[in-house]
Amino acid sequence: MSILNTFGITWVGLIEYSVNFLILLVILRIFLYKPILEILNKRKGLIQKTIDESNTVEKLRIEIEKERKEILKKATIDSEKIVEDMRKSVDKLRDELIKKSQNEASNVIQKAKLEIENEKNEVIASLTDRISRIIENTLLTVLKDELSKKDIENITQKCVEAIEGKNI
């Protein structure tokens, strides 16, 4: 005890200091420790809530990403189908146009052949008529004295028939 006395510490002072320290601990616990602990617990709750919300948002983002990929996949398939249908429609339309063009060309060719045939017949008729008049005039001039007009017409008619028989 002499050591304690040397330093000026007494039992009464030591007990007073101990009681004061305990009172200080109780006051700090009531006014400081509990509020700080409550603040820390609130922060811990907020942090946990934020983490939970973040996890929920992440799950939602993953779902949305899956839906987006599915929508894009479906849109790609639909667009490919539309393009294929359009190609088929274009091919069908092209084939129809080609057939229509060929039919029109065939009709034009047939019409032209008929016109050519008609013109040919008209030219032949015209030439036959001219030739018969030339023959008749020639025979009239040359054989005027030796044949009658009726004989000349018969000869002319036979010449025309011979010419028509050859289909010049």
N, C-alpha and C. Protein backbone atom coordinates (compact mmCIF):
# COMPACT_ATOMS: atom_id res chain seq x y z
N MET A 1 0.78 -1.15 0.00
CA MET A 1 0.00 0.00 0.00
C MET A 1 0.85 1.25 0.00
N SER A 2 2.00 1.03 0.40
CA SER A 2 2.87 2.17 0.43
C SER A 2 3.14 2.68 -0.96
N ILE A 3 3.08 1.84 -1.93
CA ILE A 3 3.29 2.28 -3.30
C ILE A 3 2.15 3.18 -3.70
N LEU A 4 0.93 2.79 -3.34
CA LEU A 4 -0.22 3.61 -3.69
C LEU A 4 -0.12 4.97 -3.00
N ASN A 5 0.32 5.00 -1.81
CA ASN A 5 0.45 6.25 -1.09
C ASN A 5 1.55 7.11 -1.69
N THR A 6 2.58 6.50 -2.18
CA THR A 6 3.66 7.23 -2.78
C THR A 6 3.15 8.02 -3.99
N PHE A 7 2.28 7.43 -4.70
CA PHE A 7 1.72 8.11 -5.88
C PHE A 7 0.54 8.98 -5.52
N GLY A 8 0.10 8.99 -4.39
CA GLY A 8 -0.98 9.82 -3.92
C GLY A 8 -2.33 9.21 -4.18
N ILE A 9 -2.39 7.88 -4.28
CA ILE A 9 -3.66 7.22 -4.54
C ILE A 9 -4.13 6.63 -3.22
N THR A 10 -5.42 6.93 -2.94
CA THR A 10 -6.03 6.39 -1.73
C THR A 10 -7.17 5.49 -2.16
N TRP A 11 -7.59 4.68 -1.20
CA TRP A 11 -8.68 3.76 -1.53
C TRP A 11 -9.96 4.54 -1.80
N VAL A 12 -10.18 5.53 -1.11
CA VAL A 12 -11.38 6.34 -1.28
C VAL A 12 -11.32 7.01 -2.66
N GLY A 13 -10.20 7.54 -3.04
CA GLY A 13 -10.05 8.19 -4.34
C GLY A 13 -10.21 7.17 -5.47
N LEU A 14 -9.65 5.98 -5.24
CA LEU A 14 -9.76 4.93 -6.25
C LEU A 14 -11.21 4.52 -6.44
N ILE A 15 -11.97 4.41 -5.38
CA ILE A 15 -13.38 4.05 -5.47
C ILE A 15 -14.15 5.18 -6.14
N GLU A 16 -13.82 6.42 -5.79
CA GLU A 16 -14.50 7.57 -6.42
C GLU A 16 -14.25 7.57 -7.92
N TYR A 17 -13.00 7.37 -8.28
CA TYR A 17 -12.69 7.33 -9.71
C TYR A 17 -13.42 6.17 -10.42
N SER A 18 -13.50 5.04 -9.78
CA SER A 18 -14.17 3.88 -10.36
C SER A 18 -15.66 4.14 -10.51
N VAL A 19 -16.29 4.75 -9.49
CA VAL A 19 -17.73 5.05 -9.56
C VAL A 19 -17.96 6.09 -10.66
N ASN A 20 -17.12 7.11 -10.71
CA ASN A 20 -17.27 8.12 -11.76
C ASN A 20 -17.11 7.49 -13.16
N PHE A 21 -16.15 6.58 -13.25
CA PHE A 21 -15.95 5.94 -14.54
C PHE A 21 -17.18 5.10 -14.93
N LEU A 22 -17.76 4.38 -13.99
CA LEU A 22 -18.96 3.58 -14.25
C LEU A 22 -20.14 4.48 -14.63
N ILE A 23 -20.29 5.60 -13.95
CA ILE A 23 -21.37 6.55 -14.27
C ILE A 23 -21.16 7.08 -15.70
N LEU A 24 -19.91 7.40 -16.00
CA LEU A 24 -19.60 7.88 -17.34
C LEU A 24 -19.92 6.82 -18.39
N LEU A 25 -19.59 5.56 -18.11
CA LEU A 25 -19.90 4.47 -19.03
C LEU A 25 -21.41 4.33 -19.23
N VAL A 26 -22.18 4.42 -18.16
CA VAL A 26 -23.64 4.31 -18.23
C VAL A 26 -24.19 5.47 -19.05
N ILE A 27 -23.72 6.68 -18.80
CA ILE A 27 -24.20 7.86 -19.53
C ILE A 27 -23.83 7.73 -21.02
N LEU A 28 -22.59 7.34 -21.29
CA LEU A 28 -22.18 7.16 -22.68
C LEU A 28 -23.00 6.07 -23.37
N ARG A 29 -23.28 5.02 -22.64
CA ARG A 29 -24.08 3.93 -23.21
C ARG A 29 -25.48 4.43 -23.52
N ILE A 30 -26.09 5.18 -22.67
CA ILE A 30 -27.46 5.66 -22.88
C ILE A 30 -27.50 6.72 -23.96
N PHE A 31 -26.65 7.71 -23.87
CA PHE A 31 -26.74 8.87 -24.76
C PHE A 31 -25.90 8.76 -26.03
N LEU A 32 -24.91 7.93 -26.05
CA LEU A 32 -24.06 7.87 -27.22
C LEU A 32 -24.10 6.49 -27.90
N TYR A 33 -23.89 5.45 -27.15
CA TYR A 33 -23.77 4.13 -27.74
C TYR A 33 -25.08 3.67 -28.39
N LYS A 34 -26.21 3.80 -27.67
CA LYS A 34 -27.49 3.36 -28.22
C LYS A 34 -27.88 4.17 -29.47
N PRO A 35 -27.78 5.50 -29.48
CA PRO A 35 -28.12 6.23 -30.71
C PRO A 35 -27.20 5.85 -31.88
N ILE A 36 -25.91 5.69 -31.58
CA ILE A 36 -24.98 5.32 -32.66
C ILE A 36 -25.33 3.92 -33.16
N LEU A 37 -25.64 3.01 -32.24
CA LEU A 37 -26.02 1.66 -32.62
C LEU A 37 -27.31 1.67 -33.44
N GLU A 38 -28.27 2.51 -33.07
CA GLU A 38 -29.52 2.64 -33.83
C GLU A 38 -29.23 3.19 -35.23
N ILE A 39 -28.38 4.20 -35.31
CA ILE A 39 -28.01 4.77 -36.61
C ILE A 39 -27.33 3.72 -37.47
N LEU A 40 -26.43 2.95 -36.89
CA LEU A 40 -25.73 1.90 -37.63
C LEU A 40 -26.71 0.82 -38.10
N ASN A 41 -27.67 0.46 -37.24
CA ASN A 41 -28.67 -0.54 -37.62
C ASN A 41 -29.56 -0.01 -38.76
N LYS A 42 -29.94 1.27 -38.68
CA LYS A 42 -30.72 1.87 -39.76
C LYS A 42 -29.94 1.86 -41.06
N ARG A 43 -28.67 2.23 -40.98
CA ARG A 43 -27.83 2.22 -42.18
C ARG A 43 -27.68 0.81 -42.72
N LYS A 44 -27.53 -0.14 -41.82
CA LYS A 44 -27.42 -1.53 -42.24
C LYS A 44 -28.70 -1.95 -42.95
N GLY A 45 -29.85 -1.56 -42.41
CA GLY A 45 -31.14 -1.87 -43.05
C GLY A 45 -31.26 -1.21 -44.43
N LEU A 46 -30.87 0.06 -44.52
CA LEU A 46 -30.91 0.76 -45.81
C LEU A 46 -29.98 0.09 -46.82
N ILE A 47 -28.81 -0.28 -46.37
CA ILE A 47 -27.85 -0.94 -47.26
C ILE A 47 -28.42 -2.27 -47.73
N GLN A 48 -29.03 -3.04 -46.80
CA GLN A 48 -29.61 -4.32 -47.18
C GLN A 48 -30.78 -4.12 -48.15
N LYS A 49 -31.60 -3.10 -47.88
CA LYS A 49 -32.72 -2.79 -48.77
C LYS A 49 -32.21 -2.42 -50.17
N THR A 50 -31.16 -1.62 -50.23
CA THR A 50 -30.56 -1.22 -51.50
C THR A 50 -30.00 -2.44 -52.23
N ILE A 51 -29.34 -3.33 -51.49
CA ILE A 51 -28.80 -4.56 -52.09
C ILE A 51 -29.93 -5.41 -52.64
N ASP A 52 -31.03 -5.56 -51.86
CA ASP A 52 -32.19 -6.34 -52.33
C ASP A 52 -32.80 -5.72 -53.58
N GLU A 53 -32.96 -4.38 -53.57
CA GLU A 53 -33.50 -3.69 -54.75
C GLU A 53 -32.57 -3.87 -55.95
N SER A 54 -31.28 -3.80 -55.69
CA SER A 54 -30.30 -3.99 -56.76
C SER A 54 -30.42 -5.40 -57.35
N ASN A 55 -30.57 -6.39 -56.47
CA ASN A 55 -30.75 -7.78 -56.95
C ASN A 55 -32.04 -7.91 -57.75
N THR A 56 -33.11 -7.27 -57.28
CA THR A 56 -34.38 -7.31 -58.00
C THR A 56 -34.24 -6.64 -59.36
N VAL A 57 -33.59 -5.50 -59.39
CA VAL A 57 -33.38 -4.79 -60.65
C VAL A 57 -32.52 -5.63 -61.59
N GLU A 58 -31.52 -6.29 -61.08
CA GLU A 58 -30.65 -7.13 -61.90
C GLU A 58 -31.45 -8.30 -62.49
N LYS A 59 -32.30 -8.93 -61.65
CA LYS A 59 -33.15 -10.02 -62.15
C LYS A 59 -34.08 -9.50 -63.23
N LEU A 60 -34.66 -8.33 -63.00
CA LEU A 60 -35.56 -7.73 -63.99
C LEU A 60 -34.80 -7.41 -65.27
N ARG A 61 -33.58 -6.89 -65.14
CA ARG A 61 -32.76 -6.59 -66.31
C ARG A 61 -32.46 -7.86 -67.11
N ILE A 62 -32.18 -8.94 -66.41
CA ILE A 62 -31.89 -10.21 -67.07
C ILE A 62 -33.14 -10.71 -67.80
N GLU A 63 -34.31 -10.60 -67.16
CA GLU A 63 -35.56 -11.00 -67.81
C GLU A 63 -35.83 -10.14 -69.04
N ILE A 64 -35.65 -8.85 -68.89
CA ILE A 64 -35.87 -7.93 -70.02
C ILE A 64 -34.91 -8.25 -71.16
N GLU A 65 -33.68 -8.55 -70.83
CA GLU A 65 -32.69 -8.90 -71.86
C GLU A 65 -33.10 -10.18 -72.58
N LYS A 66 -33.61 -11.17 -71.83
CA LYS A 66 -34.08 -12.40 -72.46
C LYS A 66 -35.26 -12.10 -73.37
N GLU A 67 -36.20 -11.29 -72.90
CA GLU A 67 -37.36 -10.93 -73.71
C GLU A 67 -36.92 -10.18 -74.97
N ARG A 68 -35.97 -9.27 -74.80
CA ARG A 68 -35.46 -8.50 -75.95
C ARG A 68 -34.85 -9.44 -76.98
N LYS A 69 -34.06 -10.41 -76.51
CA LYS A 69 -33.44 -11.36 -77.43
C LYS A 69 -34.51 -12.20 -78.14
N GLU A 70 -35.54 -12.62 -77.38
CA GLU A 70 -36.62 -13.40 -77.99
C GLU A 70 -37.37 -12.57 -79.02
N ILE A 71 -37.64 -11.31 -78.69
CA ILE A 71 -38.35 -10.43 -79.61
C ILE A 71 -37.51 -10.21 -80.87
N LEU A 72 -36.22 -9.98 -80.69
CA LEU A 72 -35.34 -9.80 -81.85
C LEU A 72 -35.28 -11.06 -82.70
N LYS A 73 -35.22 -12.22 -82.04
CA LYS A 73 -35.19 -13.48 -82.76
C LYS A 73 -36.48 -13.66 -83.55
N LYS A 74 -37.60 -13.40 -82.91
CA LYS A 74 -38.89 -13.53 -83.58
C LYS A 74 -39.00 -12.52 -84.73
N ALA A 75 -38.55 -11.29 -84.48
CA ALA A 75 -38.60 -10.26 -85.53
C ALA A 75 -37.72 -10.67 -86.71
N THR A 76 -36.57 -11.24 -86.43
CA THR A 76 -35.68 -11.70 -87.50
C THR A 76 -36.35 -12.81 -88.31
N ILE A 77 -36.95 -13.75 -87.61
CA ILE A 77 -37.64 -14.85 -88.31
C ILE A 77 -38.79 -14.29 -89.13
N ASP A 78 -39.58 -13.38 -88.53
CA ASP A 78 -40.71 -12.78 -89.26
C ASP A 78 -40.23 -12.00 -90.47
N SER A 79 -39.15 -11.23 -90.30
CA SER A 79 -38.65 -10.44 -91.43
C SER A 79 -38.12 -11.35 -92.54
N GLU A 80 -37.46 -12.45 -92.16
CA GLU A 80 -36.98 -13.39 -93.17
C GLU A 80 -38.16 -14.02 -93.91
N LYS A 81 -39.22 -14.33 -93.18
CA LYS A 81 -40.41 -14.91 -93.81
C LYS A 81 -41.03 -13.89 -94.76
N ILE A 82 -41.12 -12.64 -94.32
CA ILE A 82 -41.69 -11.58 -95.17
C ILE A 82 -40.85 -11.43 -96.44
N VAL A 83 -39.53 -11.41 -96.28
CA VAL A 83 -38.65 -11.27 -97.44
C VAL A 83 -38.83 -12.46 -98.38
N GLU A 84 -38.93 -13.67 -97.83
CA GLU A 84 -39.12 -14.85 -98.66
C GLU A 84 -40.46 -14.79 -99.39
N ASP A 85 -41.50 -14.37 -98.67
CA ASP A 85 -42.82 -14.23 -99.31
C ASP A 85 -42.77 -13.18 -100.42
N MET A 86 -42.08 -12.09 -100.17
CA MET A 86 -41.95 -11.05 -101.19
C MET A 86 -41.19 -11.58 -102.41
N ARG A 87 -40.15 -12.36 -102.17
CA ARG A 87 -39.40 -12.94 -103.28
C ARG A 87 -40.30 -13.85 -104.11
N LYS A 88 -41.09 -14.68 -103.41
CA LYS A 88 -42.00 -15.57 -104.13
C LYS A 88 -43.02 -14.76 -104.93
N SER A 89 -43.55 -13.70 -104.30
CA SER A 89 -44.52 -12.85 -105.00
C SER A 89 -43.90 -12.19 -106.22
N VAL A 90 -42.68 -11.70 -106.05
CA VAL A 90 -41.98 -11.04 -107.17
C VAL A 90 -41.71 -12.05 -108.29
N ASP A 91 -41.28 -13.26 -107.90
CA ASP A 91 -41.03 -14.30 -108.91
C ASP A 91 -42.31 -14.66 -109.65
N LYS A 92 -43.39 -14.80 -108.89
CA LYS A 92 -44.68 -15.13 -109.51
C LYS A 92 -45.13 -14.01 -110.44
N LEU A 93 -45.02 -12.78 -109.98
CA LEU A 93 -45.41 -11.63 -110.80
C LEU A 93 -44.54 -11.54 -112.05
N ARG A 94 -43.23 -11.77 -111.89
CA ARG A 94 -42.32 -11.75 -113.03
C ARG A 94 -42.71 -12.81 -114.05
N ASP A 95 -43.01 -14.03 -113.56
CA ASP A 95 -43.42 -15.10 -114.47
C ASP A 95 -44.71 -14.75 -115.19
N GLU A 96 -45.66 -14.17 -114.44
CA GLU A 96 -46.92 -13.77 -115.07
C GLU A 96 -46.69 -12.69 -116.13
N LEU A 97 -45.83 -11.72 -115.81
CA LEU A 97 -45.53 -10.67 -116.77
C LEU A 97 -44.84 -11.23 -118.02
N ILE A 98 -43.95 -12.18 -117.81
CA ILE A 98 -43.25 -12.80 -118.95
C ILE A 98 -44.27 -13.53 -119.82
N LYS A 99 -45.16 -14.31 -119.18
CA LYS A 99 -46.17 -15.03 -119.96
C LYS A 99 -47.08 -14.05 -120.70
N LYS A 100 -47.48 -12.99 -120.00
CA LYS A 100 -48.35 -11.99 -120.63
C LYS A 100 -47.63 -11.35 -121.82
N SER A 101 -46.36 -11.01 -121.61
CA SER A 101 -45.57 -10.40 -122.70
C SER A 101 -45.44 -11.36 -123.88
N GLN A 102 -45.20 -12.63 -123.58
CA GLN A 102 -45.07 -13.61 -124.64
C GLN A 102 -46.40 -13.75 -125.39
N ASN A 103 -47.51 -13.77 -124.64
CA ASN A 103 -48.82 -13.87 -125.29
C ASN A 103 -49.09 -12.64 -126.17
N GLU A 104 -48.78 -11.46 -125.63
CA GLU A 104 -48.97 -10.24 -126.40
C GLU A 104 -48.09 -10.24 -127.65
N ALA A 105 -46.84 -10.68 -127.48
CA ALA A 105 -45.93 -10.75 -128.63
C ALA A 105 -46.46 -11.74 -129.67
N SER A 106 -46.96 -12.88 -129.19
CA SER A 106 -47.52 -13.88 -130.10
C SER A 106 -48.74 -13.31 -130.83
N ASN A 107 -49.58 -12.58 -130.08
CA ASN A 107 -50.75 -11.96 -130.71
C ASN A 107 -50.34 -10.93 -131.75
N VAL A 108 -49.33 -10.13 -131.42
CA VAL A 108 -48.85 -9.12 -132.37
C VAL A 108 -48.30 -9.79 -133.62
N ILE A 109 -47.55 -10.88 -133.43
CA ILE A 109 -46.97 -11.60 -134.57
C ILE A 109 -48.09 -12.18 -135.43
N GLN A 110 -49.10 -12.79 -134.80
CA GLN A 110 -50.23 -13.36 -135.56
C GLN A 110 -50.97 -12.28 -136.33
N LYS A 111 -51.18 -11.14 -135.64
CA LYS A 111 -51.87 -10.03 -136.30
C LYS A 111 -51.05 -9.53 -137.49
N ALA A 112 -49.73 -9.44 -137.31
CA ALA A 112 -48.86 -8.98 -138.39
C ALA A 112 -48.88 -9.97 -139.55
N LYS A 113 -48.88 -11.28 -139.22
CA LYS A 113 -48.94 -12.29 -140.29
C LYS A 113 -50.25 -12.16 -141.06
N LEU A 114 -51.35 -11.95 -140.33
CA LEU A 114 -52.64 -11.80 -141.02
C LEU A 114 -52.63 -10.56 -141.90
N GLU A 115 -52.09 -9.47 -141.39
CA GLU A 115 -52.02 -8.24 -142.19
C GLU A 115 -51.15 -8.45 -143.43
N ILE A 116 -50.03 -9.13 -143.25
CA ILE A 116 -49.14 -9.40 -144.38
C ILE A 116 -49.86 -10.26 -145.40
N GLU A 117 -50.57 -11.29 -144.90
CA GLU A 117 -51.32 -12.18 -145.81
C GLU A 117 -52.39 -11.40 -146.56
N ASN A 118 -53.10 -10.54 -145.84
CA ASN A 118 -54.14 -9.72 -146.49
C ASN A 118 -53.53 -8.78 -147.53
N GLU A 119 -52.42 -8.14 -147.15
CA GLU A 119 -51.76 -7.24 -148.10
C GLU A 119 -51.25 -8.01 -149.32
N LYS A 120 -50.72 -9.20 -149.06
CA LYS A 120 -50.23 -10.04 -150.15
C LYS A 120 -51.37 -10.38 -151.11
N ASN A 121 -52.51 -10.78 -150.53
CA ASN A 121 -53.67 -11.12 -151.36
C ASN A 121 -54.16 -9.90 -152.15
N GLU A 122 -54.14 -8.73 -151.48
CA GLU A 122 -54.55 -7.51 -152.19
C GLU A 122 -53.60 -7.20 -153.33
N VAL A 123 -52.29 -7.35 -153.07
CA VAL A 123 -51.29 -7.08 -154.12
C VAL A 123 -51.46 -8.06 -155.27
N ILE A 124 -51.67 -9.34 -154.93
CA ILE A 124 -51.84 -10.36 -155.98
C ILE A 124 -53.09 -10.04 -156.80
N ALA A 125 -54.16 -9.68 -156.10
CA ALA A 125 -55.39 -9.36 -156.83
C ALA A 125 -55.17 -8.15 -157.72
N SER A 126 -54.49 -7.16 -157.18
CA SER A 126 -54.22 -5.95 -157.96
C SER A 126 -53.33 -6.26 -159.16
N LEU A 127 -52.29 -7.06 -158.92
CA LEU A 127 -51.39 -7.43 -160.02
C LEU A 127 -52.10 -8.29 -161.05
N THR A 128 -52.93 -9.19 -160.57
CA THR A 128 -53.67 -10.05 -161.50
C THR A 128 -54.57 -9.20 -162.38
N ASP A 129 -55.23 -8.26 -161.74
CA ASP A 129 -56.11 -7.37 -162.51
C ASP A 129 -55.31 -6.57 -163.53
N ARG A 130 -54.18 -6.03 -163.13
CA ARG A 130 -53.35 -5.23 -164.04
C ARG A 130 -52.81 -6.10 -165.19
N ILE A 131 -52.34 -7.30 -164.79
CA ILE A 131 -51.78 -8.20 -165.82
C ILE A 131 -52.86 -8.58 -166.83
N SER A 132 -54.06 -8.87 -166.28
CA SER A 132 -55.13 -9.26 -167.22
C SER A 132 -55.46 -8.10 -168.16
N ARG A 133 -55.45 -6.87 -167.67
CA ARG A 133 -55.70 -5.73 -168.55
C ARG A 133 -54.58 -5.55 -169.57
N ILE A 134 -53.34 -5.79 -169.11
CA ILE A 134 -52.20 -5.66 -170.03
C ILE A 134 -52.28 -6.71 -171.12
N ILE A 135 -52.60 -7.95 -170.71
CA ILE A 135 -52.70 -9.04 -171.68
C ILE A 135 -53.84 -8.73 -172.66
N GLU A 136 -54.94 -8.31 -172.09
CA GLU A 136 -56.08 -8.02 -172.93
C GLU A 136 -55.78 -6.90 -173.91
N ASN A 137 -55.13 -5.84 -173.43
CA ASN A 137 -54.77 -4.72 -174.31
C ASN A 137 -53.75 -5.16 -175.35
N THR A 138 -52.81 -5.99 -174.94
CA THR A 138 -51.80 -6.47 -175.88
C THR A 138 -52.44 -7.33 -176.95
N LEU A 139 -53.32 -8.24 -176.53
CA LEU A 139 -53.98 -9.12 -177.49
C LEU A 139 -54.89 -8.32 -178.43
N LEU A 140 -55.54 -7.32 -177.85
CA LEU A 140 -56.40 -6.49 -178.68
C LEU A 140 -55.57 -5.75 -179.73
N THR A 141 -54.45 -5.29 -179.32
CA THR A 141 -53.61 -4.54 -180.23
C THR A 141 -53.00 -5.46 -181.28
N VAL A 142 -52.48 -6.59 -180.85
CA VAL A 142 -51.76 -7.47 -181.75
C VAL A 142 -52.73 -8.30 -182.60
N LEU A 143 -53.73 -8.88 -181.99
CA LEU A 143 -54.59 -9.81 -182.69
C LEU A 143 -55.97 -9.21 -182.96
N LYS A 144 -56.06 -8.00 -183.07
CA LYS A 144 -57.30 -7.29 -183.25
C LYS A 144 -58.03 -7.78 -184.50
N ASP A 145 -57.35 -7.98 -185.52
CA ASP A 145 -57.98 -8.36 -186.78
C ASP A 145 -58.27 -9.86 -186.81
N GLU A 146 -57.56 -10.68 -186.17
CA GLU A 146 -57.68 -12.12 -186.32
C GLU A 146 -58.63 -12.74 -185.29
N LEU A 147 -58.81 -12.16 -184.08
CA LEU A 147 -59.67 -12.75 -183.04
C LEU A 147 -60.76 -11.77 -182.65
N SER A 148 -61.85 -12.37 -182.19
CA SER A 148 -62.94 -11.51 -181.72
C SER A 148 -62.66 -11.09 -180.28
N LYS A 149 -63.42 -10.10 -179.85
CA LYS A 149 -63.24 -9.59 -178.49
C LYS A 149 -63.53 -10.69 -177.49
N LYS A 150 -64.51 -11.56 -177.77
CA LYS A 150 -64.88 -12.64 -176.87
C LYS A 150 -63.74 -13.65 -176.78
N ASP A 151 -63.08 -13.95 -177.86
CA ASP A 151 -61.94 -14.87 -177.84
C ASP A 151 -60.80 -14.29 -177.01
N ILE A 152 -60.60 -13.01 -177.18
CA ILE A 152 -59.52 -12.34 -176.41
C ILE A 152 -59.84 -12.39 -174.92
N GLU A 153 -61.10 -12.21 -174.54
CA GLU A 153 -61.49 -12.27 -173.13
C GLU A 153 -61.28 -13.68 -172.59
N ASN A 154 -61.60 -14.70 -173.40
CA ASN A 154 -61.40 -16.10 -172.98
C ASN A 154 -59.91 -16.38 -172.78
N ILE A 155 -59.08 -15.94 -173.69
CA ILE A 155 -57.62 -16.15 -173.57
C ILE A 155 -57.11 -15.42 -172.32
N THR A 156 -57.60 -14.20 -172.16
CA THR A 156 -57.18 -13.42 -170.98
C THR A 156 -57.59 -14.15 -169.70
N GLN A 157 -58.82 -14.67 -169.68
CA GLN A 157 -59.32 -15.38 -168.50
C GLN A 157 -58.46 -16.61 -168.22
N LYS A 158 -58.07 -17.35 -169.24
CA LYS A 158 -57.23 -18.53 -169.06
C LYS A 158 -55.84 -18.15 -168.54
N CYS A 159 -55.30 -17.04 -169.03
CA CYS A 159 -53.99 -16.56 -168.54
C CYS A 159 -54.07 -16.19 -167.06
N VAL A 160 -55.17 -15.50 -166.70
CA VAL A 160 -55.34 -15.09 -165.29
C VAL A 160 -55.47 -16.32 -164.41
N GLU A 161 -56.24 -17.31 -164.86
CA GLU A 161 -56.41 -18.54 -164.08
C GLU A 161 -55.09 -19.27 -163.95
N ALA A 162 -54.28 -19.27 -165.00
CA ALA A 162 -52.98 -19.92 -164.94
C ALA A 162 -52.07 -19.20 -163.93
N ILE A 163 -52.13 -17.87 -163.96
CA ILE A 163 -51.32 -17.08 -163.03
C ILE A 163 -51.77 -17.32 -161.58
N GLU A 164 -53.09 -17.34 -161.37
CA GLU A 164 -53.61 -17.58 -160.02
C GLU A 164 -53.31 -18.99 -159.57
N GLY A 165 -53.29 -19.93 -160.46
CA GLY A 165 -52.99 -21.32 -160.13
C GLY A 165 -51.57 -21.46 -159.61
N LYS A 166 -50.65 -20.64 -160.06
CA LYS A 166 -49.25 -20.68 -159.62
C LYS A 166 -49.06 -19.93 -158.30
N ASN A 167 -50.02 -19.09 -157.89
CA ASN A 167 -49.96 -18.32 -156.62
C ASN A 167 -48.65 -17.56 -156.49
N ILE A 168 -48.46 -16.66 -157.36
CA ILE A 168 -47.25 -15.85 -157.36
C ILE A 168 -47.15 -15.08 -156.07
